[in-house]
Each structure stands twice: as structure tokens, then as C-alpha cells.
């Protein structure tokens, strides 16, 4: 790895003052008009030189607030300090101590709301680009085939079933396997990866990166079984007959609808179904894959989160002529990451704020339009944000060929609904204690199944916490036995 010149003159910074003079390097991006025509990554990686220059901005705080506010507790100063010294192997080793999926988190984690938000340099201007550096180091490790964990030489003799192969399941499986337990991951779909493969498009997270992380799991001895719908092919009780503990990580993939007229019309999709058809069932390669998605010319997307941005950008790549996004509040109040909104708009998505659908219109059972009403903001609701209030008499119809509803997800009851002893709340979310333990002995849960729809890194953190709890539970069983 080269000693890149941080200020263009060949000199490395000698003091904190020198580091503070270095400006944050922007994230490289492809031209919006070029990238909307393919599925290649829209955001690019730092070059070797830029990565070193950006790493040199870090002042290596002894008490690092960035690490304190990382959901998985990465030693950020440790991995960046090693990068400053050009020791990528040590940098990756530090990263992988606590982060099971650094190449993935470097791409899709909302660092601006976690580690980067609390970077000391943020108070002086702009934070260190921690996410970009995480991606850089993880990509190096993948290219060099460096694995952060090695298969243990001794087996504990215990077996653990992990239900779900998304972020929480992967993180738990990796830690449990590294601890010497036999781990089998059960995935309901025909490909492992959970939301990482069905919910996130390739232009944000290439499939090859998820596949690499899954192969690293298998290198640790983890068995991955696909097309295995737990709750159908086996119950939790039956898993406990074969395994010593079970970790439930089935996520929150049940789409939420609006409850308005016309949602059953042909051409009205949930965001989950639409993304799954394209990302997982390869509708983008029809007719080579038998999954047709005919969007027509105009697409309307409802929502304001990252999923709605993904739906908009996928629709453009599926050759929609016009994509209109309806959101109830202002752009500034969108829950989506700011950069994802920027990417969508720069690629040609049209944003219609303070607007909500009141019904979908159709002809012969096929959607032809959506009636939209204007909104204004009133008193705060339970989320603390101003509640949108309809303005009577402002209804109008927007013609469309396809409508996509991307307003959130709930917990699919396939697993939870078949086990009467598993305590859930009124929304179907599994209830756990501070150790991730459910109401069933030996059964733990984590990720979106416990929190509802959340972030990739938050799900990973819960998976790792549960793995530690399961390890202690199995150790207690060993001492008794």
C-alpha cells in the first residue's frame, strides 16, 4: 500500500494541527445519467492514495466517541490507525473483531447517524469518512482473500440452529461457529442473505459481496440450508429436539399497506414484492428468468425511507420513463439517508412532498392512476414529527401504469404464529429479555424480528449479543452435564 501524499506535496501530517488542515474527501460516484442505465455500483471506492489521505485526518482519540456510538462497537481509532501505518492486515483484523460484515456495513450502514455523527472532527467541520474507510479495508481483505475468523480446532459438542440468514443471523452464526459450536442456518428463500439480497439492489450492494461473506461463514463450518421455511418444514419445538439452542432472526418482511381503495389492482405492488421480484427473482433479466415485471411508462412510489428510494431507482433501471415519489412531509423530514435521496433525485426521480394517495384507480382490474391529496403539517404525532393533515378539496389524479407502496414492514407470522409459547406483542414482534432470550427455554431472537424494521448494523449488533448469550447458556449446560 503506497504512502499517499495527504496534502499533495508528499508529506504525511506530523501533528494534530496538520491533520485538521486536511479536507474530507468526497465519496466518488458515477455520473447519474450513466449509472441509471445499469446495475453496477453507483458509489465507488476510495483509491489507495485517497484512503490514506482520509485516514490521516483521524486524530486517533483515546476516548473515541465514534466507537462508543457504533452499534457493534468497532475500535475505529484502532482500524484507522493501522491504516495510517499502511498495515491493512491489522486494520482488517481490528475491524472484524466486532463487525462480521464490514464490506456490507461500509456500503449500507447509516454512519452519518452513528459513528460519523459523533466524530470529534464533526464539531470542527466534517467528520472522518469512517464508512468509506471501512469499505476500503474490507474490499482489500476480500481481494486478498483474508478471513477475519478461523475455524476452531476444538468442538464444543453443542449444535445451534439459526433461523434466517440476514444480518442478525449471519453475525450470530459467525460468532457461534468461531466459539466451537456446530451451526446450521435455515433460510426460507432459495438464496441465503435475507434482506441483503432481496431488499437491497445490486447498485448499492453487489451480490458477490454477500456471497463472499456467506462463503466465509461456510469456511468456519457453518451449514446453510435454503428453501427451509421454519414453521412449515419444522417447528421450533422440533428444532429443539435436534439442536441445543435456537436463534430466531427472520426479520420483518411482511409488507404494510395503506388500507385504501384499489390496493388489490394489478400493477399495485408492495415495495417488498417489487424489490424481491427484481433483486432475487431477476426480473431485470427477463425472459432469461421467468419473472416478468412490466412497469409501463409512469411509476408512482409511496414512501420516504430507504426502501422507497431503492424502489424508485430500480424502476428507472427497469426502463420506466417517469418515476414520481409521494411523501407526506418535507424532504428534510424523510427517514431515508440524505445521500440516498440525493442519488434518487440526481438520477431523475421526481419528488412530490406533502402528498398522500387516497385511492388507486383502475380499469378492467388494472391500475391506471392514483388520487392524491395535499397535506399540511399539524401537531407532532407519536414519532415526534409533525402530523400530516389532509387539505380538503385538493384531490387530483396522477395517471400511472404501476404503483409501489413502500411505507414499512411488519413481522411475518410464519414462525412466530406457529409456536403458542413464544410471547409476542400486538404487532407480532418477539419479546426478549436483556440477553435476547425469548419466553421459550433455549430460544433466542434478534434483529428486525425483535425491533421491527431497523438498520443492518443494529441487526448485526443484536445477533452478536445473542450469540454471546447463547454461548453462556450452552456453557452453563455443559457445567451441569
Protein backbone atom coordinates (compact mmCIF):
# COMPACT_ATOMS: atom_id res chain seq x y z
CA UNK A 1 0.00 0.00 0.00
CA UNK A 2 1.51 3.35 -1.01
CA UNK A 3 2.26 6.23 1.36
CA UNK A 4 -0.08 8.64 -0.36
CA UNK A 5 0.69 12.36 -0.03
CA UNK A 6 -2.05 13.79 2.24
CA UNK A 7 -1.66 17.35 1.03
CA UNK A 8 -0.39 16.70 -2.48
CA UNK A 9 3.22 17.51 -1.56
CA UNK A 10 4.38 14.04 -0.48
CA UNK A 11 4.40 14.89 3.24
CA UNK A 12 2.43 12.96 5.85
CA UNK A 13 0.87 15.02 8.67
CA UNK A 14 3.19 15.33 11.66
CA UNK A 15 0.75 16.79 14.18
CA UNK A 16 -2.91 17.08 15.07
CA UNK A 17 -2.90 20.59 13.65
CA UNK A 18 -1.66 19.22 10.31
CA UNK A 19 -4.41 16.57 10.32
CA UNK A 20 -7.09 19.18 10.93
CA UNK A 21 -5.99 21.06 7.82
CA UNK A 22 -6.86 18.12 5.55
CA UNK A 23 -10.32 18.43 3.99
CA UNK A 24 -12.68 15.46 3.91
CA UNK A 25 -12.54 13.63 0.61
CA UNK A 26 -15.91 13.31 -1.12
CA UNK A 27 -17.28 9.87 -1.87
CA UNK A 28 -16.61 9.01 -5.52
CA UNK A 29 -19.79 8.50 -7.55
CA UNK A 30 -20.53 7.55 -11.14
CA UNK A 31 -22.37 10.03 -13.35
CA UNK A 32 -26.11 9.79 -12.56
CA UNK A 33 -27.16 9.52 -16.19
CA UNK A 34 -24.69 6.71 -16.83
CA UNK A 35 -25.43 4.68 -13.72
CA UNK A 36 -29.23 4.70 -14.13
CA UNK A 37 -28.78 2.53 -17.22
CA UNK A 38 -27.07 -0.39 -15.45
CA UNK A 39 -26.84 -2.29 -12.16
CA UNK A 40 -23.20 -1.60 -11.38
CA UNK A 41 -22.32 0.16 -8.13
CA UNK A 42 -23.34 3.79 -8.16
CA UNK A 43 -20.93 4.75 -5.37
CA UNK A 44 -17.26 3.96 -5.88
CA UNK A 45 -14.41 3.16 -3.51
CA UNK A 46 -11.56 5.42 -2.49
CA UNK A 47 -8.28 4.95 -4.33
CA UNK A 48 -5.23 3.86 -2.31
CA UNK A 49 -3.93 7.41 -2.17
CA UNK A 50 -7.25 8.95 -1.14
CA UNK A 51 -7.84 6.28 1.51
CA UNK A 52 -4.51 7.08 3.16
CA UNK A 53 -5.20 10.82 2.97
CA UNK A 54 -8.64 10.38 4.53
CA UNK A 55 -7.28 8.08 7.22
CA UNK A 56 -4.65 10.71 8.03
CA UNK A 57 -7.47 13.09 9.02
CA UNK A 58 -8.25 10.93 12.07
CA UNK A 59 -6.64 12.25 15.26
CA UNK A 60 -6.98 8.82 16.98
CA UNK A 61 -8.91 9.94 20.06
CA UNK A 62 -8.11 7.90 23.18
CA UNK A 63 -11.72 8.02 24.26
CA UNK A 64 -13.34 7.76 20.86
CA UNK A 65 -16.99 8.86 20.84
CA UNK A 66 -17.29 7.36 17.34
CA UNK A 67 -16.68 3.87 18.74
CA UNK A 68 -18.95 4.49 21.71
CA UNK A 69 -21.78 5.23 19.28
CA UNK A 70 -21.12 2.34 16.88
CA UNK A 71 -23.84 -0.30 17.37
CA UNK A 72 -21.28 -3.12 17.13
CA UNK A 73 -18.53 -1.24 19.00
CA UNK A 74 -15.83 -1.17 16.32
CA UNK A 75 -12.44 0.09 17.54
CA UNK A 76 -12.50 2.82 14.93
CA UNK A 77 -9.30 4.55 16.04
CA UNK A 78 -7.62 1.13 16.03
CA UNK A 79 -8.53 0.18 12.48
CA UNK A 80 -7.86 3.66 11.09
CA UNK A 81 -4.57 3.91 12.99
CA UNK A 82 -3.39 0.68 11.38
CA UNK A 83 -4.49 2.05 8.00
CA UNK A 84 -2.44 5.20 8.60
CA UNK A 85 0.58 2.93 9.07
CA UNK A 86 -0.19 1.02 5.88
CA UNK A 87 -0.93 -2.21 7.78
CA UNK A 88 -4.13 -3.35 6.11
CA UNK A 89 -3.99 -6.84 7.58
CA UNK A 90 -4.02 -5.45 11.12
CA UNK A 91 -6.64 -2.87 10.14
CA UNK A 92 -8.95 -5.61 8.89
CA UNK A 93 -8.24 -7.75 11.95
CA UNK A 94 -9.38 -4.90 14.20
CA UNK A 95 -12.49 -4.33 12.08
CA UNK A 96 -13.51 -7.98 12.01
CA UNK A 97 -13.14 -8.41 15.78
CA UNK A 98 -16.54 -6.81 16.23
CA UNK A 99 -18.01 -6.41 12.74
CA UNK A 100 -18.98 -9.59 10.91
CA UNK A 101 -19.82 -7.74 7.68
CA UNK A 102 -17.51 -4.73 7.20
CA UNK A 103 -17.75 -4.66 3.38
CA UNK A 104 -21.53 -4.57 3.69
CA UNK A 105 -21.67 -2.02 6.51
CA UNK A 106 -19.20 0.18 4.65
CA UNK A 107 -21.78 0.42 1.89
CA UNK A 108 -25.20 0.47 3.55
CA UNK A 109 -24.70 1.50 7.20
CA UNK A 110 -26.01 4.96 8.09
CA UNK A 111 -22.69 6.14 9.55
CA UNK A 112 -23.85 9.75 9.43
CA UNK A 113 -26.35 8.92 12.17
CA UNK A 114 -23.94 6.85 14.28
CA UNK A 115 -20.13 6.89 14.34
CA UNK A 116 -19.55 9.84 11.99
CA UNK A 117 -22.14 11.95 13.75
CA UNK A 118 -20.05 11.76 16.93
CA UNK A 119 -16.63 12.16 15.32
CA UNK A 120 -14.68 14.93 17.09
CA UNK A 121 -13.89 16.48 13.70
CA UNK A 122 -17.61 16.89 13.02
CA UNK A 123 -17.57 19.75 15.53
CA UNK A 124 -14.81 21.43 13.53
CA UNK A 125 -16.34 20.95 10.10
CA UNK A 126 -16.69 17.45 8.68
CA UNK A 127 -16.19 14.03 10.23
CA UNK A 128 -13.72 11.42 9.07
CA UNK A 129 -15.31 9.30 6.32
CA UNK A 130 -15.38 6.21 8.54
CA UNK A 131 -17.77 4.26 6.32
CA UNK A 132 -15.67 4.79 3.20
CA UNK A 133 -12.54 3.66 5.04
CA UNK A 134 -14.35 0.60 6.39
CA UNK A 135 -15.36 -0.34 2.85
CA UNK A 136 -11.83 0.25 1.57
CA UNK A 137 -10.21 -2.05 4.13
CA UNK A 138 -12.89 -4.76 3.77
CA UNK A 139 -12.63 -4.71 -0.02
CA UNK A 140 -8.87 -5.14 0.27
CA UNK A 141 -9.41 -8.17 2.52
CA UNK A 142 -11.85 -9.69 0.06
CA UNK A 143 -9.48 -9.19 -2.87
CA UNK A 144 -6.61 -10.68 -0.86
CA UNK A 145 -8.86 -13.49 0.46
CA UNK A 146 -8.14 -12.57 4.07
CA UNK A 147 -10.63 -14.09 6.52
CA UNK A 148 -11.27 -12.37 9.83
CA UNK A 149 -12.11 -15.60 11.68
CA UNK A 150 -10.57 -19.08 11.59
CA UNK A 151 -12.29 -22.39 12.19
CA UNK A 152 -11.74 -23.52 15.79
CA UNK A 153 -9.73 -26.69 16.30
CA UNK A 154 -11.96 -27.96 19.12
CA UNK A 155 -15.72 -28.50 19.00
CA UNK A 156 -17.96 -27.74 21.96
CA UNK A 157 -20.23 -30.62 21.04
CA UNK A 158 -23.25 -28.33 21.01
CA UNK A 159 -25.41 -27.55 17.98
CA UNK A 160 -27.26 -24.29 17.33
CA UNK A 161 -29.97 -23.61 14.75
CA UNK A 162 -30.09 -20.09 13.30
CA UNK A 163 -33.38 -19.29 11.55
CA UNK A 164 -32.80 -16.59 8.96
CA UNK A 165 -29.68 -15.64 7.01
CA UNK A 166 -29.92 -11.85 7.11
CA UNK A 167 -27.56 -9.56 9.05
CA UNK A 168 -28.57 -10.77 12.53
CA UNK A 169 -28.40 -14.43 11.54
CA UNK A 170 -25.04 -14.09 9.77
CA UNK A 171 -23.48 -12.21 12.68
CA UNK A 172 -24.73 -14.75 15.24
CA UNK A 173 -23.74 -17.75 13.14
CA UNK A 174 -20.20 -16.47 12.66
CA UNK A 175 -19.61 -15.83 16.35
CA UNK A 176 -21.17 -19.13 17.42
CA UNK A 177 -19.10 -21.09 14.91
CA UNK A 178 -15.93 -19.30 16.00
CA UNK A 179 -16.75 -20.36 19.58
CA UNK A 180 -16.69 -24.00 18.50
CA UNK A 181 -20.40 -24.72 18.22
CA UNK A 182 -21.94 -26.56 15.30
CA UNK A 183 -24.18 -24.08 13.47
CA UNK A 184 -26.87 -24.68 10.87
CA UNK A 185 -28.57 -21.69 9.24
CA UNK A 186 -32.07 -22.20 7.84
CA UNK A 187 -33.18 -19.80 5.09
CA UNK A 188 -36.74 -19.78 3.77
CA UNK A 189 -35.82 -18.49 0.31
CA UNK A 190 -33.79 -20.20 -2.40
CA UNK A 191 -30.81 -17.93 -1.79
CA UNK A 192 -29.18 -17.04 1.50
CA UNK A 193 -28.58 -13.46 2.59
CA UNK A 194 -32.03 -12.31 3.70
CA UNK A 195 -32.71 -8.61 3.18
CA UNK A 196 -29.15 -8.16 1.92
CA UNK A 197 -30.07 -9.98 -1.31
CA UNK A 198 -33.81 -9.49 -1.68
CA UNK A 199 -34.16 -5.97 -0.31
CA UNK A 200 -31.03 -4.07 -1.37
CA UNK A 201 -30.35 -3.58 -5.09
CA UNK A 202 -27.02 -4.53 -6.61
CA UNK A 203 -26.13 -0.94 -7.44
CA UNK A 204 -25.93 -0.39 -3.67
CA UNK A 205 -24.73 -3.82 -2.54
CA UNK A 206 -23.39 -6.26 -5.15
CA UNK A 207 -24.46 -9.87 -4.71
CA UNK A 208 -20.86 -11.04 -4.97
CA UNK A 209 -20.04 -9.28 -1.68
CA UNK A 210 -22.89 -11.01 0.17
CA UNK A 211 -21.86 -14.32 -1.41
CA UNK A 212 -18.31 -13.80 -0.19
CA UNK A 213 -19.44 -13.17 3.38
CA UNK A 214 -21.61 -16.31 3.26
CA UNK A 215 -18.70 -18.38 1.92
CA UNK A 216 -16.60 -17.11 4.84
CA UNK A 217 -19.30 -18.47 7.17
CA UNK A 218 -19.13 -21.85 5.46
CA UNK A 219 -15.34 -21.80 5.84
CA UNK A 220 -15.98 -21.65 9.59
CA UNK A 221 -18.04 -24.83 9.32
CA UNK A 222 -21.50 -23.24 9.21
CA UNK A 223 -24.06 -25.23 7.20
CA UNK A 224 -26.58 -23.16 5.23
CA UNK A 225 -29.86 -24.81 4.27
CA UNK A 226 -32.07 -22.92 1.80
CA UNK A 227 -35.74 -23.46 0.88
CA UNK A 228 -36.37 -24.30 4.54
CA UNK A 229 -39.40 -22.43 5.88
CA UNK A 230 -39.28 -22.96 9.63
CA UNK A 231 -42.85 -23.08 10.83
CA UNK A 232 -43.68 -25.27 7.84
CA UNK A 233 -40.91 -27.86 7.35
CA UNK A 234 -40.15 -27.90 11.08
CA UNK A 235 -41.44 -26.20 14.20
CA UNK A 236 -39.31 -24.51 16.84
CA UNK A 237 -40.10 -27.44 19.14
CA UNK A 238 -38.80 -29.88 16.53
CA UNK A 239 -35.62 -27.82 16.12
CA UNK A 240 -35.04 -28.07 19.86
CA UNK A 241 -35.22 -31.87 19.57
CA UNK A 242 -32.19 -31.74 17.26
CA UNK A 243 -30.35 -28.62 18.41
CA UNK A 244 -29.23 -27.39 21.82
CA UNK A 245 -30.31 -23.78 21.17
CA UNK A 246 -32.18 -21.80 18.53
CA UNK A 247 -31.68 -18.22 17.37
CA UNK A 248 -34.62 -16.65 15.53
CA UNK A 249 -33.62 -13.95 13.04
CA UNK A 250 -36.34 -13.98 10.41
CA UNK A 251 -36.50 -10.20 10.06
CA UNK A 252 -39.51 -8.04 9.28
CA UNK A 253 -40.51 -8.80 5.72
CA UNK A 254 -44.29 -8.53 5.91
CA UNK A 255 -45.38 -5.53 3.84
CA UNK A 256 -47.57 -2.83 5.32
CA UNK A 257 -50.34 -1.46 3.09
CA UNK A 258 -52.28 1.78 3.26
CA UNK A 259 -55.76 0.32 3.63
CA UNK A 260 -57.21 2.41 0.81
CA UNK A 261 -59.38 1.58 -2.20
CA UNK A 262 -57.70 -0.08 -5.17
CA UNK A 263 -54.71 -1.70 -3.49
CA UNK A 264 -55.68 -5.08 -4.98
CA UNK A 265 -55.49 -3.81 -8.58
CA UNK A 266 -52.98 -5.45 -10.89
CA UNK A 267 -49.92 -3.24 -11.07
CA UNK A 268 -50.00 -2.19 -7.41
CA UNK A 269 -47.01 -3.72 -5.62
CA UNK A 270 -45.66 -3.61 -2.12
CA UNK A 271 -42.08 -2.38 -2.03
CA UNK A 272 -41.04 -5.75 -0.66
CA UNK A 273 -42.61 -7.72 -3.51
CA UNK A 274 -41.26 -5.38 -6.17
CA UNK A 275 -37.69 -5.48 -4.90
CA UNK A 276 -37.82 -9.23 -4.37
CA UNK A 277 -39.03 -9.80 -7.93
CA UNK A 278 -36.12 -7.81 -9.31
CA UNK A 279 -33.29 -8.41 -6.84
CA UNK A 280 -33.90 -12.05 -6.00
CA UNK A 281 -36.01 -13.43 -8.85
CA UNK A 282 -34.11 -11.46 -11.51
CA UNK A 283 -36.96 -9.75 -13.30
CA UNK A 284 -34.26 -7.45 -14.68
CA UNK A 285 -33.07 -10.39 -16.82
CA UNK A 286 -36.49 -11.43 -18.16
CA UNK A 287 -37.05 -13.56 -20.27
CA UNK A 288 -33.85 -15.39 -19.24
CA UNK A 289 -35.52 -15.63 -15.81
CA UNK A 290 -39.23 -16.36 -15.64
CA UNK A 291 -40.21 -13.31 -13.57
CA UNK A 292 -41.86 -10.61 -15.66
CA UNK A 293 -42.32 -7.07 -14.31
CA UNK A 294 -43.95 -4.75 -16.83
CA UNK A 295 -43.86 -1.29 -15.27
CA UNK A 296 -45.10 0.70 -18.23
CA UNK A 297 -44.13 4.32 -18.71
CA UNK A 298 -45.06 6.05 -15.43
CA UNK A 299 -44.44 4.67 -11.94
CA UNK A 300 -45.66 6.17 -8.66
CA UNK A 301 -43.88 5.18 -5.44
CA UNK A 302 -45.32 5.94 -2.00
CA UNK A 303 -42.97 6.35 0.97
CA UNK A 304 -39.96 8.21 2.29
CA UNK A 305 -37.49 5.62 3.59
CA UNK A 306 -34.51 3.88 2.06
CA UNK A 307 -36.78 1.16 0.62
CA UNK A 308 -38.81 3.71 -1.31
CA UNK A 309 -35.59 5.19 -2.71
CA UNK A 310 -34.49 1.72 -3.78
CA UNK A 311 -37.86 1.13 -5.47
CA UNK A 312 -37.61 4.42 -7.37
CA UNK A 313 -34.07 3.77 -8.56
CA UNK A 314 -34.83 0.17 -9.53
CA UNK A 315 -37.87 1.34 -11.51
CA UNK A 316 -35.64 3.69 -13.51
CA UNK A 317 -33.30 0.82 -14.30
CA UNK A 318 -36.31 -1.26 -15.35
CA UNK A 319 -36.88 1.34 -18.08
CA UNK A 320 -39.68 3.40 -16.56
CA UNK A 321 -39.96 6.74 -18.38
CA UNK A 322 -41.03 8.67 -15.30
CA UNK A 323 -40.87 7.86 -11.58
CA UNK A 324 -42.80 10.03 -9.10
CA UNK A 325 -42.25 9.68 -5.36
CA UNK A 326 -45.08 10.72 -3.00
CA UNK A 327 -44.12 11.65 0.55
CA UNK A 328 -46.31 13.01 3.36
CA UNK A 329 -43.84 15.52 4.79
CA UNK A 330 -40.91 17.60 3.55
CA UNK A 331 -37.72 16.25 2.06
CA UNK A 332 -35.85 17.27 5.22
CA UNK A 333 -38.12 15.04 7.33
CA UNK A 334 -37.64 11.94 5.21
CA UNK A 335 -36.36 8.94 7.19
CA UNK A 336 -34.21 7.86 4.23
CA UNK A 337 -30.50 8.60 4.31
CA UNK A 338 -29.84 12.00 2.80
CA UNK A 339 -27.37 10.57 0.29
CA UNK A 340 -29.95 8.03 -0.90
CA UNK A 341 -32.45 10.83 -1.54
CA UNK A 342 -29.75 12.78 -3.40
CA UNK A 343 -28.92 9.74 -5.53
CA UNK A 344 -32.57 9.15 -6.43
CA UNK A 345 -33.20 12.78 -7.39
CA UNK A 346 -29.99 13.09 -9.39
CA UNK A 347 -30.97 10.01 -11.38
CA UNK A 348 -34.27 11.61 -12.37
CA UNK A 349 -36.83 10.69 -9.69
CA UNK A 350 -39.47 13.40 -9.23
CA UNK A 351 -40.35 14.17 -5.61
CA UNK A 352 -43.85 15.31 -4.66
CA UNK A 353 -43.86 16.30 -0.99
CA UNK A 354 -46.82 16.97 1.32
CA UNK A 355 -48.83 14.47 -0.72
CA UNK A 356 -50.58 11.19 0.03
CA UNK A 357 -52.66 8.74 -2.00
CA UNK A 358 -56.37 8.47 -1.13
CA UNK A 359 -57.24 5.66 -3.56
CA UNK A 360 -55.93 3.82 -6.59
CA UNK A 361 -57.94 3.96 -9.79
CA UNK A 362 -58.19 1.20 -12.35
CA UNK A 363 -59.81 -0.16 -15.48
CA UNK A 364 -60.56 -3.83 -16.06
CA UNK A 365 -58.78 -4.66 -12.81
CA UNK A 366 -55.52 -2.90 -13.78
CA UNK A 367 -54.23 0.25 -12.10
CA UNK A 368 -54.46 3.40 -14.21
CA UNK A 369 -53.87 6.15 -11.69
CA UNK A 370 -53.71 7.32 -8.11
CA UNK A 371 -55.81 10.00 -6.47
CA UNK A 372 -53.57 12.26 -4.38
CA UNK A 373 -54.45 14.82 -1.73
CA UNK A 374 -52.26 17.66 -0.49
CA UNK A 375 -51.22 17.72 3.15
CA UNK A 376 -50.15 20.29 5.70
CA UNK A 377 -48.32 19.69 8.96
CA UNK A 378 -50.12 19.86 12.28
CA UNK A 379 -49.22 18.87 15.83
CA UNK A 380 -46.50 16.25 16.46
CA UNK A 381 -47.57 12.59 16.37
CA UNK A 382 -46.20 9.66 18.42
CA UNK A 383 -42.93 9.78 16.45
CA UNK A 384 -42.35 13.38 17.49
CA UNK A 385 -42.72 14.64 13.93
CA UNK A 386 -45.49 16.99 12.80
CA UNK A 387 -48.59 15.04 11.84
CA UNK A 388 -49.68 15.41 8.17
CA UNK A 389 -53.25 16.66 7.85
CA UNK A 390 -55.25 16.41 4.58
CA UNK A 391 -56.37 19.65 2.91
CA UNK A 392 -59.94 19.06 1.67
CA UNK A 393 -60.61 19.98 -1.94
CA UNK A 394 -57.01 19.48 -3.10
CA UNK A 395 -57.54 15.98 -4.54
CA UNK A 396 -56.18 15.33 -8.02
CA UNK A 397 -55.42 12.25 -10.13
CA UNK A 398 -51.96 11.25 -11.31
CA UNK A 399 -52.08 8.73 -14.13
CA UNK A 400 -49.73 5.78 -13.73
CA UNK A 401 -49.03 2.32 -15.07
CA UNK A 402 -47.55 0.96 -11.84
CA UNK A 403 -47.81 1.92 -8.17
CA UNK A 404 -45.43 0.75 -5.44
CA UNK A 405 -46.27 1.08 -1.74
CA UNK A 406 -43.10 1.27 0.37
CA UNK A 407 -44.24 2.56 3.76
CA UNK A 408 -42.80 -0.07 6.10
CA UNK A 409 -42.76 -3.71 7.13
CA UNK A 410 -44.12 -5.93 9.85
CA UNK A 411 -43.15 -9.32 11.25
CA UNK A 412 -44.16 -12.33 9.16
CA UNK A 413 -46.02 -14.74 11.48
CA UNK A 414 -44.85 -17.91 9.67
CA UNK A 415 -42.50 -18.79 12.54
CA UNK A 416 -43.93 -16.86 15.47
CA UNK A 417 -47.55 -17.70 14.75
CA UNK A 418 -46.94 -21.45 14.88
CA UNK A 419 -45.45 -21.50 18.39
CA UNK A 420 -48.07 -20.68 21.08
CA UNK A 421 -45.46 -20.44 23.84
CA UNK A 422 -43.50 -17.71 22.08
CA UNK A 423 -44.52 -14.36 23.54
CA UNK A 424 -45.01 -11.50 21.07
CA UNK A 425 -46.57 -8.07 21.35
CA UNK A 426 -49.67 -6.83 19.50
CA UNK A 427 -47.58 -6.10 16.39
CA UNK A 428 -46.16 -9.62 16.31
CA UNK A 429 -42.70 -8.53 17.46
CA UNK A 430 -40.97 -11.19 19.57
CA UNK A 431 -40.41 -10.19 23.20
CA UNK A 432 -36.93 -10.86 24.62
CA UNK A 433 -35.06 -10.07 27.83
CA UNK A 434 -31.81 -8.12 28.07
CA UNK A 435 -29.91 -11.23 26.94
CA UNK A 436 -32.01 -11.81 23.81
CA UNK A 437 -33.79 -14.79 25.42
CA UNK A 438 -37.41 -15.41 24.46
CA UNK A 439 -40.13 -16.96 26.60
CA UNK A 440 -39.04 -20.41 25.37
CA UNK A 441 -36.02 -22.01 27.12
CA UNK A 442 -33.05 -22.25 24.78
CA UNK A 443 -34.66 -19.98 22.17
CA UNK A 444 -33.23 -16.53 21.46
CA UNK A 445 -34.21 -13.84 18.95
CA UNK A 446 -32.78 -10.68 17.46
CA UNK A 447 -32.74 -8.26 14.57
CA UNK A 448 -35.88 -6.83 12.98
CA UNK A 449 -37.92 -9.70 14.43
CA UNK A 450 -37.37 -8.02 17.81
CA UNK A 451 -37.00 -4.34 16.91
CA UNK A 452 -39.24 -4.07 13.87
CA UNK A 453 -37.68 -2.56 10.74
CA UNK A 454 -34.26 -1.17 11.68
CA UNK A 455 -30.75 -0.92 10.24
CA UNK A 456 -28.36 -3.62 9.06
CA UNK A 457 -25.78 -2.77 11.72
CA UNK A 458 -28.38 -2.71 14.51
CA UNK A 459 -29.50 -6.21 13.49
CA UNK A 460 -25.87 -7.35 13.48
CA UNK A 461 -25.36 -5.97 16.97
CA UNK A 462 -28.35 -7.94 18.23
CA UNK A 463 -27.07 -11.07 16.51
CA UNK A 464 -23.70 -10.75 18.21
CA UNK A 465 -25.27 -10.05 21.61
CA UNK A 466 -27.49 -13.11 21.25
CA UNK A 467 -24.50 -15.26 20.24
CA UNK A 468 -22.72 -14.30 23.46
CA UNK A 469 -25.82 -15.15 25.47
CA UNK A 470 -26.24 -18.48 23.70
CA UNK A 471 -22.57 -19.31 24.30
CA UNK A 472 -23.02 -18.65 28.04
CA UNK A 473 -26.24 -20.67 28.08
CA UNK A 474 -24.51 -23.65 26.46
CA UNK A 475 -21.54 -23.31 28.83
CA UNK A 476 -23.93 -23.48 31.78
CA UNK A 477 -25.49 -26.63 30.33
CA UNK A 478 -22.03 -28.15 29.93
CA UNK A 479 -21.15 -27.46 33.56
CA UNK A 480 -24.39 -29.04 34.74
CA UNK A 481 -23.98 -32.01 32.42
